[in-house]
Amino acid sequence: MQSIPFDSVKRHMAQDTAVQSWVSELLEKNAAKGEEVVPEAVIKALGASTFAVPGSDLGLKFTILSGQMLAYMMTYVMAMIHFPEAQKRAQAEIDQVVGNKRLPTFEDRASLPYVEGLFRELFRWHGPAPLGSLNPSL
């Protein structure tokens, strides 16, 4: 599963049509140095964990994560470290709905109620920006 985004980026880089992403930047660094500065296994894992949106020939267009999305991802990782049973349940739901031949899409969202609830709870629990207002007396 990790090879799908990685191979897509490599193919687009060879065609000079790649969108800037973590994967393309790390592959370019490796190419510029003439050696594997960052192991390809690590780059593949980053590519697989990067959010994707509809767009390219695979139905995926990899983008650089905004600071807000990075904050959400960090919150997710922290929560899954603290609540591994939630991660197992979410993964089981994804495996049941999507299988292991493709990545989930927005069309799968209605069939993934636990995953949807998990992300809503993450956004509520620890959003990337303070939602309260400052005390005017400060």
Protein backbone atom coordinates (compact mmCIF):
# COMPACT_ATOMS: atom_id res chain seq x y z
CA MET A 1 0.00 0.00 0.00
CA GLN A 2 2.91 2.35 0.66
CA SER A 3 4.16 1.90 -2.89
CA ILE A 4 1.09 3.44 -4.55
CA PRO A 5 1.76 7.10 -3.64
CA PHE A 6 5.53 6.64 -3.86
CA ASP A 7 5.41 5.08 -7.34
CA SER A 8 2.94 7.72 -8.51
CA VAL A 9 5.28 10.54 -7.45
CA LYS A 10 8.29 8.85 -9.07
CA ARG A 11 6.34 8.39 -12.31
CA HIS A 12 5.25 12.03 -12.32
CA MET A 13 8.79 13.16 -11.54
CA ALA A 14 10.08 11.19 -14.54
CA GLN A 15 7.44 12.92 -16.71
CA ASP A 16 8.27 16.29 -15.09
CA THR A 17 4.63 16.65 -13.97
CA ALA A 18 5.07 16.01 -10.24
CA VAL A 19 3.36 18.29 -7.76
CA GLN A 20 5.63 19.46 -4.96
CA SER A 21 5.32 17.15 -1.96
CA TRP A 22 7.38 15.67 0.84
CA VAL A 23 7.99 12.61 -1.31
CA SER A 24 9.20 14.58 -4.35
CA GLU A 25 11.41 16.84 -2.23
CA LEU A 26 13.08 13.90 -0.49
CA LEU A 27 13.59 12.04 -3.77
CA GLU A 28 15.11 15.19 -5.27
CA LYS A 29 17.48 15.48 -2.29
CA ASN A 30 18.58 11.89 -2.79
CA ALA A 31 19.12 12.50 -6.51
CA ALA A 32 21.05 15.75 -5.90
CA LYS A 33 23.39 14.04 -3.41
CA GLY A 34 23.78 10.98 -5.63
CA GLU A 35 23.08 8.75 -2.66
CA GLU A 36 20.20 7.67 -0.46
CA VAL A 37 20.25 10.46 2.15
CA VAL A 38 16.76 9.48 3.25
CA PRO A 39 16.02 5.76 2.84
CA GLU A 40 13.32 5.02 0.28
CA ALA A 41 11.42 2.98 2.89
CA VAL A 42 11.07 6.15 4.98
CA ILE A 43 9.99 8.18 1.95
CA LYS A 44 7.38 5.53 1.08
CA ALA A 45 6.00 5.65 4.62
CA LEU A 46 5.74 9.45 4.45
CA GLY A 47 3.96 9.23 1.12
CA ALA A 48 1.49 6.71 2.45
CA SER A 49 0.71 8.89 5.46
CA THR A 50 0.35 12.13 3.50
CA PHE A 51 -3.19 13.30 2.82
CA ALA A 52 -4.37 13.11 -0.77
CA VAL A 53 -7.17 14.74 -2.74
CA PRO A 54 -8.81 13.79 -6.06
CA GLY A 55 -6.92 14.94 -9.12
CA SER A 56 -4.32 12.85 -10.94
CA ASP A 57 -4.39 9.68 -13.00
CA LEU A 58 -4.62 7.55 -9.85
CA GLY A 59 -7.39 9.72 -8.50
CA LEU A 60 -4.84 11.11 -6.07
CA LYS A 61 -2.90 14.33 -6.09
CA PHE A 62 -0.40 14.62 -3.26
CA THR A 63 -0.05 17.98 -1.64
CA ILE A 64 2.09 19.60 0.97
CA LEU A 65 0.29 19.63 4.28
CA SER A 66 -0.60 23.01 5.62
CA GLY A 67 0.41 23.90 9.16
CA GLN A 68 -3.15 23.22 10.26
CA MET A 69 -3.23 19.73 8.75
CA LEU A 70 0.19 19.01 10.23
CA ALA A 71 -1.15 19.99 13.66
CA TYR A 72 -4.12 17.64 13.18
CA MET A 73 -1.80 14.83 12.14
CA MET A 74 0.41 15.38 15.17
CA THR A 75 -2.67 15.31 17.39
CA TYR A 76 -3.77 12.08 15.73
CA VAL A 77 -0.38 10.44 16.33
CA MET A 78 -0.38 11.56 19.96
CA ALA A 79 -3.94 10.27 20.48
CA MET A 80 -3.16 6.91 18.88
CA ILE A 81 -0.12 6.51 21.14
CA HIS A 82 -2.34 7.11 24.16
CA PHE A 83 -5.34 5.12 22.85
CA PRO A 84 -4.02 2.22 20.72
CA GLU A 85 -7.34 0.40 20.99
CA ALA A 86 -8.98 3.27 19.07
CA GLN A 87 -6.37 2.93 16.34
CA LYS A 88 -6.97 -0.82 16.10
CA ARG A 89 -10.74 -0.34 15.86
CA ALA A 90 -10.39 2.37 13.19
CA GLN A 91 -7.96 0.24 11.17
CA ALA A 92 -10.31 -2.74 11.39
CA GLU A 93 -13.18 -0.59 10.06
CA ILE A 94 -11.03 0.70 7.18
CA ASP A 95 -9.86 -2.83 6.34
CA GLN A 96 -13.46 -4.09 6.34
CA VAL A 97 -14.77 -1.28 4.10
CA VAL A 98 -11.80 -0.61 1.81
CA GLY A 99 -9.70 -3.76 1.97
CA ASN A 100 -5.99 -3.63 1.20
CA LYS A 101 -6.01 -2.95 -2.54
CA ARG A 102 -6.67 0.81 -2.43
CA LEU A 103 -6.67 3.87 -0.20
CA PRO A 104 -9.92 5.22 1.29
CA THR A 105 -11.66 8.00 -0.66
CA PHE A 106 -14.25 10.59 0.27
CA GLU A 107 -16.88 8.26 -1.18
CA ASP A 108 -16.04 5.77 1.61
CA ARG A 109 -16.69 8.33 4.33
CA ALA A 110 -20.33 7.35 4.94
CA SER A 111 -19.25 3.72 5.38
CA LEU A 112 -16.62 4.61 7.99
CA PRO A 113 -18.64 5.98 10.95
CA TYR A 114 -16.03 5.10 13.61
CA VAL A 115 -13.21 6.74 11.65
CA GLU A 116 -15.42 9.79 11.03
CA GLY A 117 -16.23 10.03 14.74
CA LEU A 118 -12.58 9.56 15.65
CA PHE A 119 -11.50 12.51 13.54
CA ARG A 120 -14.36 14.70 14.75
CA GLU A 121 -13.30 13.93 18.31
CA LEU A 122 -9.67 14.77 17.49
CA PHE A 123 -10.72 18.14 16.07
CA ARG A 124 -12.84 18.83 19.15
CA TRP A 125 -10.28 17.52 21.58
CA HIS A 126 -7.19 19.32 20.36
CA GLY A 127 -7.65 21.69 17.44
CA PRO A 128 -4.65 23.49 15.93
CA ALA A 129 -5.83 26.95 16.99
CA PRO A 130 -7.16 28.33 20.26
CA LEU A 131 -10.91 28.79 20.08
CA GLY A 132 -11.34 30.97 23.17
CA SER A 133 -10.91 34.70 23.21
CA LEU A 134 -8.30 36.55 25.19
CA ASN A 135 -9.30 38.18 28.43
CA PRO A 136 -9.43 41.94 27.74
CA SER A 137 -7.98 42.69 31.18
CA LEU A 138 -4.68 40.99 30.25
